[in-house]
Amino acid sequence: GTYQVSDAASTNTGTVRVPTQAAPLTGTTADTFTITWASQAAGADQVYDIQIKRLGSGAWTPWQTGATAASGSFDSSSPDWAGAGTYQFRARLRNASTGNDSGYSPPSKPLTIS
């Protein structure tokens, strides 16, 4: 996600952006890819929302909403993401009780499927 941070002692502020990762970054439609959006599972009342974008489409679409795991498997055989192409992912941390969220992460490096 994208997180606003501040240092109370110096009043300095900044933004920390943590991208999602796809591995491997290339493969075929027969392969399964690991998409990692966090270093650990979500805590109490916390969930992850992950979006996908097929490059060239211009639109982010929900891929997993309310996930609690730190990563998931992606393959392009789903009718929603059919076939070869180049994909990116982004994620955010959301409090399921309040709806407050971190803001979406920068996009992952492109995942190219042939």
PDB file of N, CA and C in Angstrom:
ATOM      1  N   GLY A   1       0.812  -1.192   0.000  1.00  0.00           N
ATOM      2  CA  GLY A   1       0.000   0.000   0.000  1.00  0.00           C
ATOM      3  C   GLY A   1       0.846   1.242   0.000  1.00  0.00           C
ATOM      4  N   THR A   2       0.193   2.351   0.143  1.00  0.00           N
ATOM      5  CA  THR A   2       0.839   3.649   0.249  1.00  0.00           C
ATOM      6  C   THR A   2       0.470   4.225   1.610  1.00  0.00           C
ATOM      7  N   TYR A   3       1.485   4.595   2.382  1.00  0.00           N
ATOM      8  CA  TYR A   3       1.279   5.012   3.763  1.00  0.00           C
ATOM      9  C   TYR A   3       1.862   6.395   3.998  1.00  0.00           C
ATOM     10  N   GLN A   4       1.101   7.257   4.672  1.00  0.00           N
ATOM     11  CA  GLN A   4       1.591   8.557   5.102  1.00  0.00           C
ATOM     12  C   GLN A   4       2.272   8.359   6.453  1.00  0.00           C
ATOM     13  N   VAL A   5       3.453   8.935   6.612  1.00  0.00           N
ATOM     14  CA  VAL A   5       4.194   8.804   7.866  1.00  0.00           C
ATOM     15  C   VAL A   5       4.605  10.199   8.351  1.00  0.00           C
ATOM     16  N   SER A   6       4.775  10.314   9.662  1.00  0.00           N
ATOM     17  CA  SER A   6       5.254  11.576  10.220  1.00  0.00           C
ATOM     18  C   SER A   6       6.115  11.291  11.436  1.00  0.00           C
ATOM     19  N   ASP A   7       7.059  12.181  11.664  1.00  0.00           N
ATOM     20  CA  ASP A   7       7.958  12.103  12.810  1.00  0.00           C
ATOM     21  C   ASP A   7       7.555  13.220  13.770  1.00  0.00           C
ATOM     22  N   ALA A   8       6.961  12.844  14.882  1.00  0.00           N
ATOM     23  CA  ALA A   8       6.468  13.828  15.840  1.00  0.00           C
ATOM     24  C   ALA A   8       7.590  14.697  16.401  1.00  0.00           C
ATOM     25  N   ALA A   9       8.793  14.147  16.512  1.00  0.00           N
ATOM     26  CA  ALA A   9       9.903  14.905  17.088  1.00  0.00           C
ATOM     27  C   ALA A   9      10.380  16.026  16.167  1.00  0.00           C
ATOM     28  N   SER A  10      10.359  15.779  14.863  1.00  0.00           N
ATOM     29  CA  SER A  10      10.881  16.787  13.925  1.00  0.00           C
ATOM     30  C   SER A  10       9.801  17.405  13.042  1.00  0.00           C
ATOM     31  N   THR A  11       8.602  16.897  13.105  1.00  0.00           N
ATOM     32  CA  THR A  11       7.466  17.297  12.261  1.00  0.00           C
ATOM     33  C   THR A  11       7.690  17.008  10.773  1.00  0.00           C
ATOM     34  N   ASN A  12       8.698  16.204  10.459  1.00  0.00           N
ATOM     35  CA  ASN A  12       8.898  15.778   9.075  1.00  0.00           C
ATOM     36  C   ASN A  12       7.800  14.799   8.697  1.00  0.00           C
ATOM     37  N   THR A  13       7.359  14.878   7.465  1.00  0.00           N
ATOM     38  CA  THR A  13       6.352  13.953   6.960  1.00  0.00           C
ATOM     39  C   THR A  13       6.837  13.350   5.648  1.00  0.00           C
ATOM     40  N   GLY A  14       6.218  12.254   5.265  1.00  0.00           N
ATOM     41  CA  GLY A  14       6.586  11.612   4.015  1.00  0.00           C
ATOM     42  C   GLY A  14       5.585  10.544   3.638  1.00  0.00           C
ATOM     43  N   THR A  15       5.872   9.883   2.555  1.00  0.00           N
ATOM     44  CA  THR A  15       5.032   8.823   2.044  1.00  0.00           C
ATOM     45  C   THR A  15       5.893   7.592   1.783  1.00  0.00           C
ATOM     46  N   VAL A  16       5.421   6.456   2.241  1.00  0.00           N
ATOM     47  CA  VAL A  16       6.085   5.186   1.977  1.00  0.00           C
ATOM     48  C   VAL A  16       5.196   4.412   1.012  1.00  0.00           C
ATOM     49  N   ARG A  17       5.760   3.990  -0.110  1.00  0.00           N
ATOM     50  CA  ARG A  17       5.011   3.233  -1.121  1.00  0.00           C
ATOM     51  C   ARG A  17       5.615   1.846  -1.245  1.00  0.00           C
ATOM     52  N   VAL A  18       4.801   0.835  -0.995  1.00  0.00           N
ATOM     53  CA  VAL A  18       5.265  -0.547  -1.038  1.00  0.00           C
ATOM     54  C   VAL A  18       4.537  -1.265  -2.177  1.00  0.00           C
ATOM     55  N   PRO A  19       5.244  -1.593  -3.269  1.00  0.00           N
ATOM     56  CA  PRO A  19       4.574  -2.217  -4.419  1.00  0.00           C
ATOM     57  C   PRO A  19       4.282  -3.699  -4.195  1.00  0.00           C
ATOM     58  N   THR A  20       3.332  -4.197  -4.958  1.00  0.00           N
ATOM     59  CA  THR A  20       3.109  -5.636  -5.003  1.00  0.00           C
ATOM     60  C   THR A  20       4.178  -6.243  -5.897  1.00  0.00           C
ATOM     61  N   GLN A  21       4.336  -7.574  -5.810  1.00  0.00           N
ATOM     62  CA  GLN A  21       5.330  -8.265  -6.626  1.00  0.00           C
ATOM     63  C   GLN A  21       4.695  -9.467  -7.296  1.00  0.00           C
ATOM     64  N   ALA A  22       5.059  -9.683  -8.549  1.00  0.00           N
ATOM     65  CA  ALA A  22       4.640 -10.864  -9.291  1.00  0.00           C
ATOM     66  C   ALA A  22       5.878 -11.708  -9.558  1.00  0.00           C
ATOM     67  N   ALA A  23       5.753 -13.025  -9.426  1.00  0.00           N
ATOM     68  CA  ALA A  23       6.890 -13.910  -9.689  1.00  0.00           C
ATOM     69  C   ALA A  23       6.399 -15.226 -10.271  1.00  0.00           C
ATOM     70  N   PRO A  24       7.040 -15.701 -11.306  1.00  0.00           N
ATOM     71  CA  PRO A  24       8.024 -14.980 -12.105  1.00  0.00           C
ATOM     72  C   PRO A  24       7.354 -13.873 -12.911  1.00  0.00           C
ATOM     73  N   LEU A  25       8.159 -13.056 -13.602  1.00  0.00           N
ATOM     74  CA  LEU A  25       7.604 -11.939 -14.370  1.00  0.00           C
ATOM     75  C   LEU A  25       7.226 -12.314 -15.795  1.00  0.00           C
ATOM     76  N   THR A  26       7.626 -13.492 -16.225  1.00  0.00           N
ATOM     77  CA  THR A  26       7.248 -13.972 -17.561  1.00  0.00           C
ATOM     78  C   THR A  26       6.873 -15.441 -17.478  1.00  0.00           C
ATOM     79  N   GLY A  27       6.023 -15.870 -18.408  1.00  0.00           N
ATOM     80  CA  GLY A  27       5.627 -17.271 -18.473  1.00  0.00           C
ATOM     81  C   GLY A  27       4.609 -17.474 -19.571  1.00  0.00           C
ATOM     82  N   THR A  28       3.993 -18.626 -19.532  1.00  0.00           N
ATOM     83  CA  THR A  28       2.988 -18.963 -20.533  1.00  0.00           C
ATOM     84  C   THR A  28       1.627 -19.108 -19.873  1.00  0.00           C
ATOM     85  N   THR A  29       0.610 -19.298 -20.681  1.00  0.00           N
ATOM     86  CA  THR A  29      -0.741 -19.472 -20.146  1.00  0.00           C
ATOM     87  C   THR A  29      -0.876 -20.753 -19.333  1.00  0.00           C
ATOM     88  N   ALA A  30       0.097 -21.646 -19.421  1.00  0.00           N
ATOM     89  CA  ALA A  30       0.070 -22.885 -18.632  1.00  0.00           C
ATOM     90  C   ALA A  30       0.666 -22.697 -17.240  1.00  0.00           C
ATOM     91  N   ASP A  31       1.282 -21.556 -16.988  1.00  0.00           N
ATOM     92  CA  ASP A  31       1.972 -21.315 -15.720  1.00  0.00           C
ATOM     93  C   ASP A  31       1.060 -20.669 -14.679  1.00  0.00           C
ATOM     94  N   THR A  32       1.439 -20.848 -13.419  1.00  0.00           N
ATOM     95  CA  THR A  32       0.793 -20.171 -12.300  1.00  0.00           C
ATOM     96  C   THR A  32       1.818 -19.219 -11.710  1.00  0.00           C
ATOM     97  N   PHE A  33       1.378 -18.024 -11.347  1.00  0.00           N
ATOM     98  CA  PHE A  33       2.263 -16.975 -10.851  1.00  0.00           C
ATOM     99  C   PHE A  33       1.877 -16.622  -9.420  1.00  0.00           C
ATOM    100  N   THR A  34       2.859 -16.242  -8.623  1.00  0.00           N
ATOM    101  CA  THR A  34       2.612 -15.822  -7.252  1.00  0.00           C
ATOM    102  C   THR A  34       2.590 -14.299  -7.201  1.00  0.00           C
ATOM    103  N   ILE A  35       1.504 -13.766  -6.679  1.00  0.00           N
ATOM    104  CA  ILE A  35       1.369 -12.326  -6.489  1.00  0.00           C
ATOM    105  C   ILE A  35       1.458 -12.070  -4.985  1.00  0.00           C
ATOM    106  N   THR A  36       2.438 -11.275  -4.578  1.00  0.00           N
ATOM    107  CA  THR A  36       2.660 -10.982  -3.159  1.00  0.00           C
ATOM    108  C   THR A  36       2.343  -9.514  -2.904  1.00  0.00           C
ATOM    109  N   TRP A  37       1.470  -9.280  -1.935  1.00  0.00           N
ATOM    110  CA  TRP A  37       1.063  -7.905  -1.621  1.00  0.00           C
ATOM    111  C   TRP A  37       1.393  -7.509  -0.194  1.00  0.00           C
ATOM    112  N   ALA A  38       1.906  -8.418   0.613  1.00  0.00           N
ATOM    113  CA  ALA A  38       2.252  -8.096   2.002  1.00  0.00           C
ATOM    114  C   ALA A  38       3.321  -9.060   2.507  1.00  0.00           C
ATOM    115  N   SER A  39       3.941  -8.698   3.617  1.00  0.00           N
ATOM    116  CA  SER A  39       4.951  -9.566   4.215  1.00  0.00           C
ATOM    117  C   SER A  39       4.349 -10.549   5.210  1.00  0.00           C
ATOM    118  N   GLN A  40       3.092 -10.327   5.594  1.00  0.00           N
ATOM    119  CA  GLN A  40       2.431 -11.233   6.535  1.00  0.00           C
ATOM    120  C   GLN A  40       0.920 -11.168   6.342  1.00  0.00           C
ATOM    121  N   ALA A  41       0.251 -12.139   6.887  1.00  0.00           N
ATOM    122  CA  ALA A  41      -1.213 -12.174   6.818  1.00  0.00           C
ATOM    123  C   ALA A  41      -1.788 -10.947   7.524  1.00  0.00           C
ATOM    124  N   ALA A  42      -2.984 -10.559   7.134  1.00  0.00           N
ATOM    125  CA  ALA A  42      -3.645  -9.406   7.732  1.00  0.00           C
ATOM    126  C   ALA A  42      -3.959  -9.671   9.208  1.00  0.00           C
ATOM    127  N   GLY A  43      -3.904  -8.620  10.011  1.00  0.00           N
ATOM    128  CA  GLY A  43      -4.216  -8.735  11.432  1.00  0.00           C
ATOM    129  C   GLY A  43      -5.715  -8.630  11.676  1.00  0.00           C
ATOM    130  N   ALA A  44      -6.087  -8.574  12.934  1.00  0.00           N
ATOM    131  CA  ALA A  44      -7.493  -8.482  13.320  1.00  0.00           C
ATOM    132  C   ALA A  44      -8.133  -7.250  12.682  1.00  0.00           C
ATOM    133  N   ASP A  45      -9.310  -7.436  12.102  1.00  0.00           N
ATOM    134  CA  ASP A  45     -10.075  -6.374  11.434  1.00  0.00           C
ATOM    135  C   ASP A  45      -9.383  -5.802  10.204  1.00  0.00           C
ATOM    136  N   GLN A  46      -8.301  -6.424   9.745  1.00  0.00           N
ATOM    137  CA  GLN A  46      -7.571  -5.937   8.583  1.00  0.00           C
ATOM    138  C   GLN A  46      -7.767  -6.891   7.403  1.00  0.00           C
ATOM    139  N   VAL A  47      -7.883  -6.344   6.203  1.00  0.00           N
ATOM    140  CA  VAL A  47      -7.973  -7.148   4.981  1.00  0.00           C
ATOM    141  C   VAL A  47      -7.196  -6.437   3.878  1.00  0.00           C
ATOM    142  N   TYR A  48      -6.893  -7.190   2.837  1.00  0.00           N
ATOM    143  CA  TYR A  48      -6.212  -6.641   1.672  1.00  0.00           C
ATOM    144  C   TYR A  48      -7.183  -6.640   0.492  1.00  0.00           C
ATOM    145  N   ASP A  49      -7.128  -5.573  -0.288  1.00  0.00           N
ATOM    146  CA  ASP A  49      -7.872  -5.493  -1.544  1.00  0.00           C
ATOM    147  C   ASP A  49      -6.839  -5.427  -2.662  1.00  0.00           C
ATOM    148  N   ILE A  50      -6.918  -6.342  -3.608  1.00  0.00           N
ATOM    149  CA  ILE A  50      -5.951  -6.420  -4.689  1.00  0.00           C
ATOM    150  C   ILE A  50      -6.666  -6.200  -6.005  1.00  0.00           C
ATOM    151  N   GLN A  51      -6.088  -5.333  -6.840  1.00  0.00           N
ATOM    152  CA  GLN A  51      -6.655  -5.051  -8.153  1.00  0.00           C
ATOM    153  C   GLN A  51      -5.702  -5.516  -9.246  1.00  0.00           C
ATOM    154  N   ILE A  52      -6.270  -5.760 -10.419  1.00  0.00           N
ATOM    155  CA  ILE A  52      -5.516  -6.207 -11.582  1.00  0.00           C
ATOM    156  C   ILE A  52      -5.827  -5.273 -12.749  1.00  0.00           C
ATOM    157  N   LYS A  53      -4.829  -5.103 -13.604  1.00  0.00           N
ATOM    158  CA  LYS A  53      -5.038  -4.318 -14.816  1.00  0.00           C
ATOM    159  C   LYS A  53      -4.302  -5.003 -15.959  1.00  0.00           C
ATOM    160  N   ARG A  54      -5.021  -5.229 -17.027  1.00  0.00           N
ATOM    161  CA  ARG A  54      -4.372  -5.730 -18.239  1.00  0.00           C
ATOM    162  C   ARG A  54      -3.861  -4.506 -18.972  1.00  0.00           C
ATOM    163  N   LEU A  55      -2.558  -4.441 -19.218  1.00  0.00           N
ATOM    164  CA  LEU A  55      -1.991  -3.261 -19.854  1.00  0.00           C
ATOM    165  C   LEU A  55      -2.647  -3.035 -21.197  1.00  0.00           C
ATOM    166  N   GLY A  56      -2.952  -1.786 -21.438  1.00  0.00           N
ATOM    167  CA  GLY A  56      -3.670  -1.416 -22.644  1.00  0.00           C
ATOM    168  C   GLY A  56      -5.145  -1.202 -22.390  1.00  0.00           C
ATOM    169  N   SER A  57      -5.657  -1.745 -21.268  1.00  0.00           N
ATOM    170  CA  SER A  57      -7.078  -1.576 -20.961  1.00  0.00           C
ATOM    171  C   SER A  57      -7.328  -0.265 -20.230  1.00  0.00           C
ATOM    172  N   GLY A  58      -6.336   0.188 -19.464  1.00  0.00           N
ATOM    173  CA  GLY A  58      -6.455   1.447 -18.746  1.00  0.00           C
ATOM    174  C   GLY A  58      -7.273   1.402 -17.475  1.00  0.00           C
ATOM    175  N   ALA A  59      -7.911   0.295 -17.147  1.00  0.00           N
ATOM    176  CA  ALA A  59      -8.806   0.246 -15.982  1.00  0.00           C
ATOM    177  C   ALA A  59      -8.329  -0.786 -14.961  1.00  0.00           C
ATOM    178  N   TRP A  60      -8.321  -0.393 -13.694  1.00  0.00           N
ATOM    179  CA  TRP A  60      -8.053  -1.333 -12.604  1.00  0.00           C
ATOM    180  C   TRP A  60      -9.359  -2.023 -12.252  1.00  0.00           C
ATOM    181  N   THR A  61      -9.285  -3.338 -12.015  1.00  0.00           N
ATOM    182  CA  THR A  61     -10.454  -4.152 -11.715  1.00  0.00           C
ATOM    183  C   THR A  61     -10.189  -4.956 -10.446  1.00  0.00           C
ATOM    184  N   PRO A  62     -11.159  -5.119  -9.557  1.00  0.00           N
ATOM    185  CA  PRO A  62     -10.939  -5.960  -8.378  1.00  0.00           C
ATOM    186  C   PRO A  62     -10.532  -7.379  -8.783  1.00  0.00           C
ATOM    187  N   TRP A  63      -9.494  -7.888  -8.135  1.00  0.00           N
ATOM    188  CA  TRP A  63      -9.074  -9.277  -8.344  1.00  0.00           C
ATOM    189  C   TRP A  63      -9.393 -10.080  -7.085  1.00  0.00           C
ATOM    190  N   GLN A  64      -8.957  -9.588  -5.925  1.00  0.00           N
ATOM    191  CA  GLN A  64      -9.310 -10.198  -4.638  1.00  0.00           C
ATOM    192  C   GLN A  64      -9.685  -9.061  -3.688  1.00  0.00           C
ATOM    193  N   THR A  65     -10.843  -9.173  -3.084  1.00  0.00           N
ATOM    194  CA  THR A  65     -11.320  -8.155  -2.149  1.00  0.00           C
ATOM    195  C   THR A  65     -11.524  -8.813  -0.789  1.00  0.00           C
ATOM    196  N   GLY A  66     -10.954  -8.201   0.239  1.00  0.00           N
ATOM    197  CA  GLY A  66     -11.104  -8.756   1.579  1.00  0.00           C
ATOM    198  C   GLY A  66     -10.201  -9.936   1.858  1.00  0.00           C
ATOM    199  N   ALA A  67      -9.075 -10.033   1.163  1.00  0.00           N
ATOM    200  CA  ALA A  67      -8.134 -11.143   1.373  1.00  0.00           C
ATOM    201  C   ALA A  67      -7.435 -10.977   2.716  1.00  0.00           C
ATOM    202  N   THR A  68      -7.111 -12.104   3.340  1.00  0.00           N
ATOM    203  CA  THR A  68      -6.363 -12.046   4.596  1.00  0.00           C
ATOM    204  C   THR A  68      -4.955 -12.613   4.451  1.00  0.00           C
ATOM    205  N   ALA A  69      -4.697 -13.391   3.409  1.00  0.00           N
ATOM    206  CA  ALA A  69      -3.361 -13.946   3.155  1.00  0.00           C
ATOM    207  C   ALA A  69      -2.456 -12.853   2.590  1.00  0.00           C
ATOM    208  N   ALA A  70      -1.144 -13.073   2.647  1.00  0.00           N
ATOM    209  CA  ALA A  70      -0.167 -12.108   2.154  1.00  0.00           C
ATOM    210  C   ALA A  70       0.121 -12.245   0.667  1.00  0.00           C
ATOM    211  N   SER A  71      -0.345 -13.330   0.060  1.00  0.00           N
ATOM    212  CA  SER A  71      -0.093 -13.564  -1.361  1.00  0.00           C
ATOM    213  C   SER A  71      -1.153 -14.507  -1.916  1.00  0.00           C
ATOM    214  N   GLY A  72      -1.151 -14.643  -3.230  1.00  0.00           N
ATOM    215  CA  GLY A  72      -2.098 -15.538  -3.885  1.00  0.00           C
ATOM    216  C   GLY A  72      -1.571 -15.998  -5.216  1.00  0.00           C
ATOM    217  N   SER A  73      -2.235 -16.976  -5.800  1.00  0.00           N
ATOM    218  CA  SER A  73      -1.842 -17.533  -7.088  1.00  0.00           C
ATOM    219  C   SER A  73      -2.693 -16.943  -8.200  1.00  0.00           C
ATOM    220  N   PHE A  74      -2.048 -16.669  -9.325  1.00  0.00           N
ATOM    221  CA  PHE A  74      -2.733 -16.126 -10.497  1.00  0.00           C
ATOM    222  C   PHE A  74      -2.398 -16.987 -11.702  1.00  0.00           C
ATOM    223  N   ASP A  75      -3.427 -17.346 -12.444  1.00  0.00           N
ATOM    224  CA  ASP A  75      -3.195 -17.938 -13.757  1.00  0.00           C
ATOM    225  C   ASP A  75      -4.170 -17.296 -14.727  1.00  0.00           C
ATOM    226  N   SER A  76      -3.795 -17.267 -15.970  1.00  0.00           N
ATOM    227  CA  SER A  76      -4.573 -16.521 -16.954  1.00  0.00           C
ATOM    228  C   SER A  76      -5.662 -17.359 -17.596  1.00  0.00           C
ATOM    229  N   SER A  77      -6.021 -18.494 -17.003  1.00  0.00           N
ATOM    230  CA  SER A  77      -7.062 -19.342 -17.586  1.00  0.00           C
ATOM    231  C   SER A  77      -8.469 -18.896 -17.179  1.00  0.00           C
ATOM    232  N   SER A  78      -8.550 -18.001 -16.181  1.00  0.00           N
ATOM    233  CA  SER A  78      -9.851 -17.500 -15.759  1.00  0.00           C
ATOM    234  C   SER A  78     -10.507 -16.741 -16.906  1.00  0.00           C
ATOM    235  N   PRO A  79     -11.807 -16.916 -17.121  1.00  0.00           N
ATOM    236  CA  PRO A  79     -12.483 -16.165 -18.185  1.00  0.00           C
ATOM    237  C   PRO A  79     -12.353 -14.649 -18.022  1.00  0.00           C
ATOM    238  N   ASP A  80     -12.204 -14.191 -16.772  1.00  0.00           N
ATOM    239  CA  ASP A  80     -12.071 -12.756 -16.530  1.00  0.00           C
ATOM    240  C   ASP A  80     -10.742 -12.195 -17.018  1.00  0.00           C
ATOM    241  N   TRP A  81      -9.712 -13.029 -17.054  1.00  0.00           N
ATOM    242  CA  TRP A  81      -8.373 -12.572 -17.427  1.00  0.00           C
ATOM    243  C   TRP A  81      -7.826 -13.460 -18.528  1.00  0.00           C
ATOM    244  N   ALA A  82      -8.639 -13.776 -19.492  1.00  0.00           N
ATOM    245  CA  ALA A  82      -8.327 -14.807 -20.474  1.00  0.00           C
ATOM    246  C   ALA A  82      -7.064 -14.529 -21.268  1.00  0.00           C
ATOM    247  N   GLY A  83      -6.171 -15.496 -21.207  1.00  0.00           N
ATOM    248  CA  GLY A  83      -5.085 -15.613 -22.152  1.00  0.00           C
ATOM    249  C   GLY A  83      -3.865 -14.747 -21.960  1.00  0.00           C
ATOM    250  N   ALA A  84      -3.094 -14.749 -23.025  1.00  0.00           N
ATOM    251  CA  ALA A  84      -1.823 -14.048 -23.050  1.00  0.00           C
ATOM    252  C   ALA A  84      -2.050 -12.548 -22.912  1.00  0.00           C
ATOM    253  N   GLY A  85      -1.051 -11.888 -22.367  1.00  0.00           N
ATOM    254  CA  GLY A  85      -1.116 -10.445 -22.213  1.00  0.00           C
ATOM    255  C   GLY A  85      -0.142  -9.991 -21.150  1.00  0.00           C
ATOM    256  N   THR A  86      -0.173  -8.713 -20.867  1.00  0.00           N
ATOM    257  CA  THR A  86       0.679  -8.137 -19.840  1.00  0.00           C
ATOM    258  C   THR A  86      -0.216  -7.561 -18.751  1.00  0.00           C
ATOM    259  N   TYR A  87       0.045  -7.951 -17.523  1.00  0.00           N
ATOM    260  CA  TYR A  87      -0.797  -7.607 -16.386  1.00  0.00           C
ATOM    261  C   TYR A  87       0.016  -6.878 -15.313  1.00  0.00           C
ATOM    262  N   GLN A  88      -0.672  -6.050 -14.528  1.00  0.00           N
ATOM    263  CA  GLN A  88      -0.085  -5.459 -13.338  1.00  0.00           C
ATOM    264  C   GLN A  88      -1.070  -5.607 -12.188  1.00  0.00           C
ATOM    265  N   PHE A  89      -0.533  -5.523 -10.978  1.00  0.00           N
ATOM    266  CA  PHE A  89      -1.333  -5.664  -9.769  1.00  0.00           C
ATOM    267  C   PHE A  89      -1.005  -4.517  -8.818  1.00  0.00           C
ATOM    268  N   ARG A  90      -1.973  -4.158  -7.987  1.00  0.00           N
ATOM    269  CA  ARG A  90      -1.749  -3.213  -6.906  1.00  0.00           C
ATOM    270  C   ARG A  90      -2.640  -3.625  -5.744  1.00  0.00           C
ATOM    271  N   ALA A  91      -2.269  -3.186  -4.535  1.00  0.00           N
ATOM    272  CA  ALA A  91      -3.000  -3.634  -3.346  1.00  0.00           C
ATOM    273  C   ALA A  91      -3.053  -2.519  -2.307  1.00  0.00           C
ATOM    274  N   ARG A  92      -3.987  -2.681  -1.389  1.00  0.00           N
ATOM    275  CA  ARG A  92      -4.078  -1.776  -0.244  1.00  0.00           C
ATOM    276  C   ARG A  92      -4.469  -2.583   0.977  1.00  0.00           C
ATOM    277  N   LEU A  93      -4.149  -2.037   2.142  1.00  0.00           N
ATOM    278  CA  LEU A  93      -4.575  -2.587   3.423  1.00  0.00           C
ATOM    279  C   LEU A  93      -5.801  -1.791   3.851  1.00  0.00           C
ATOM    280  N   ARG A  94      -6.847  -2.509   4.276  1.00  0.00           N
ATOM    281  CA  ARG A  94      -8.091  -1.836   4.668  1.00  0.00           C
ATOM    282  C   ARG A  94      -8.571  -2.375   6.002  1.00  0.00           C
ATOM    283  N   ASN A  95      -9.051  -1.480   6.858  1.00  0.00           N
ATOM    284  CA  ASN A  95      -9.680  -1.892   8.105  1.00  0.00           C
ATOM    285  C   ASN A  95     -11.107  -2.294   7.766  1.00  0.00           C
ATOM    286  N   ALA A  96     -11.435  -3.552   7.962  1.00  0.00           N
ATOM    287  CA  ALA A  96     -12.748  -4.074   7.581  1.00  0.00           C
ATOM    288  C   ALA A  96     -13.868  -3.481   8.436  1.00  0.00           C
ATOM    289  N   SER A  97     -13.563  -2.999   9.627  1.00  0.00           N
ATOM    290  CA  SER A  97     -14.587  -2.428  10.497  1.00  0.00           C
ATOM    291  C   SER A  97     -14.893  -0.975  10.168  1.00  0.00           C
ATOM    292  N   THR A  98     -13.839  -0.191   9.931  1.00  0.00           N
ATOM    293  CA  THR A  98     -14.022   1.246   9.727  1.00  0.00           C
ATOM    294  C   THR A  98     -14.020   1.660   8.256  1.00  0.00           C
ATOM    295  N   GLY A  99     -13.416   0.832   7.404  1.00  0.00           N
ATOM    296  CA  GLY A  99     -13.285   1.188   5.995  1.00  0.00           C
ATOM    297  C   GLY A  99     -12.063   2.034   5.695  1.00  0.00           C
ATOM    298  N   ASN A 100     -11.321   2.469   6.723  1.00  0.00           N
ATOM    299  CA  ASN A 100     -10.093   3.235   6.492  1.00  0.00           C
ATOM    300  C   ASN A 100      -9.091   2.368   5.745  1.00  0.00           C
ATOM    301  N   ASP A 101      -8.347   2.981   4.806  1.00  0.00           N
ATOM    302  CA  ASP A 101      -7.389   2.188   4.026  1.00  0.00           C
ATOM    303  C   ASP A 101      -6.082   2.933   3.859  1.00  0.00           C
ATOM    304  N   SER A 102      -5.085   2.192   3.407  1.00  0.00           N
ATOM    305  CA  SER A 102      -3.742   2.730   3.238  1.00  0.00           C
ATOM    306  C   SER A 102      -3.574   3.506   1.948  1.00  0.00           C
ATOM    307  N   GLY A 103      -4.449   3.347   1.002  1.00  0.00           N
ATOM    308  CA  GLY A 103      -4.215   3.833  -0.353  1.00  0.00           C
ATOM    309  C   GLY A 103      -3.554   2.712  -1.134  1.00  0.00           C
ATOM    310  N   TYR A 104      -3.786   2.672  -2.420  1.00  0.00           N
ATOM    311  CA  TYR A 104      -3.229   1.577  -3.226  1.00  0.00           C
ATOM    312  C   TYR A 104      -1.729   1.736  -3.409  1.00  0.00           C
ATOM    313  N   SER A 105      -1.065   0.607  -3.500  1.00  0.00           N
ATOM    314  CA  SER A 105       0.369   0.566  -3.741  1.00  0.00           C
ATOM    315  C   SER A 105       0.688   1.014  -5.162  1.00  0.00           C
ATOM    316  N   PRO A 106       1.958   1.312  -5.430  1.00  0.00           N
ATOM    317  CA  PRO A 106       2.358   1.479  -6.818  1.00  0.00           C
ATOM    318  C   PRO A 106       2.132   0.149  -7.548  1.00  0.00           C
ATOM    319  N   PRO A 107       1.938   0.175  -8.858  1.00  0.00           N
ATOM    320  CA  PRO A 107       1.717  -1.077  -9.593  1.00  0.00           C
ATOM    321  C   PRO A 107       2.940  -1.995  -9.529  1.00  0.00           C
ATOM    322  N   SER A 108       2.692  -3.284  -9.614  1.00  0.00           N
ATOM    323  CA  SER A 108       3.773  -4.253  -9.714  1.00  0.00           C
ATOM    324  C   SER A 108       4.506  -4.069 -11.038  1.00  0.00           C
ATOM    325  N   LYS A 109       5.676  -4.648 -11.132  1.00  0.00           N
ATOM    326  CA  LYS A 109       6.332  -4.716 -12.433  1.00  0.00           C
ATOM    327  C   LYS A 109       5.435  -5.526 -13.341  1.00  0.00           C
ATOM    328  N   PRO A 110       5.434  -5.251 -14.635  1.00  0.00           N
ATOM    329  CA  PRO A 110       4.542  -5.980 -15.548  1.00  0.00           C
ATOM    330  C   PRO A 110       4.809  -7.484 -15.568  1.00  0.00           C
ATOM    331  N   LEU A 111       3.745  -8.254 -15.556  1.00  0.00           N
ATOM    332  CA  LEU A 111       3.775  -9.710 -15.682  1.00  0.00           C
ATOM    333  C   LEU A 111       3.354 -10.028 -17.109  1.00  0.00           C
ATOM    334  N   THR A 112       4.240 -10.640 -17.886  1.00  0.00           N
ATOM    335  CA  THR A 112       3.961 -10.914 -19.288  1.00  0.00           C
ATOM    336  C   THR A 112       3.727 -12.398 -19.499  1.00  0.00           C
ATOM    337  N   ILE A 113       2.564 -12.716 -20.043  1.00  0.00           N
ATOM    338  CA  ILE A 113       2.164 -14.101 -20.297  1.00  0.00           C
ATOM    339  C   ILE A 113       2.004 -14.294 -21.797  1.00  0.00           C
ATOM    340  N   SER A 114       2.676 -15.308 -22.318  1.00  0.00           N
ATOM    341  CA  SER A 114       2.575 -15.581 -23.765  1.00  0.00           C
ATOM    342  C   SER A 114       1.887 -16.904 -24.015  1.00  0.00           C
TER     343      SER A 114
END
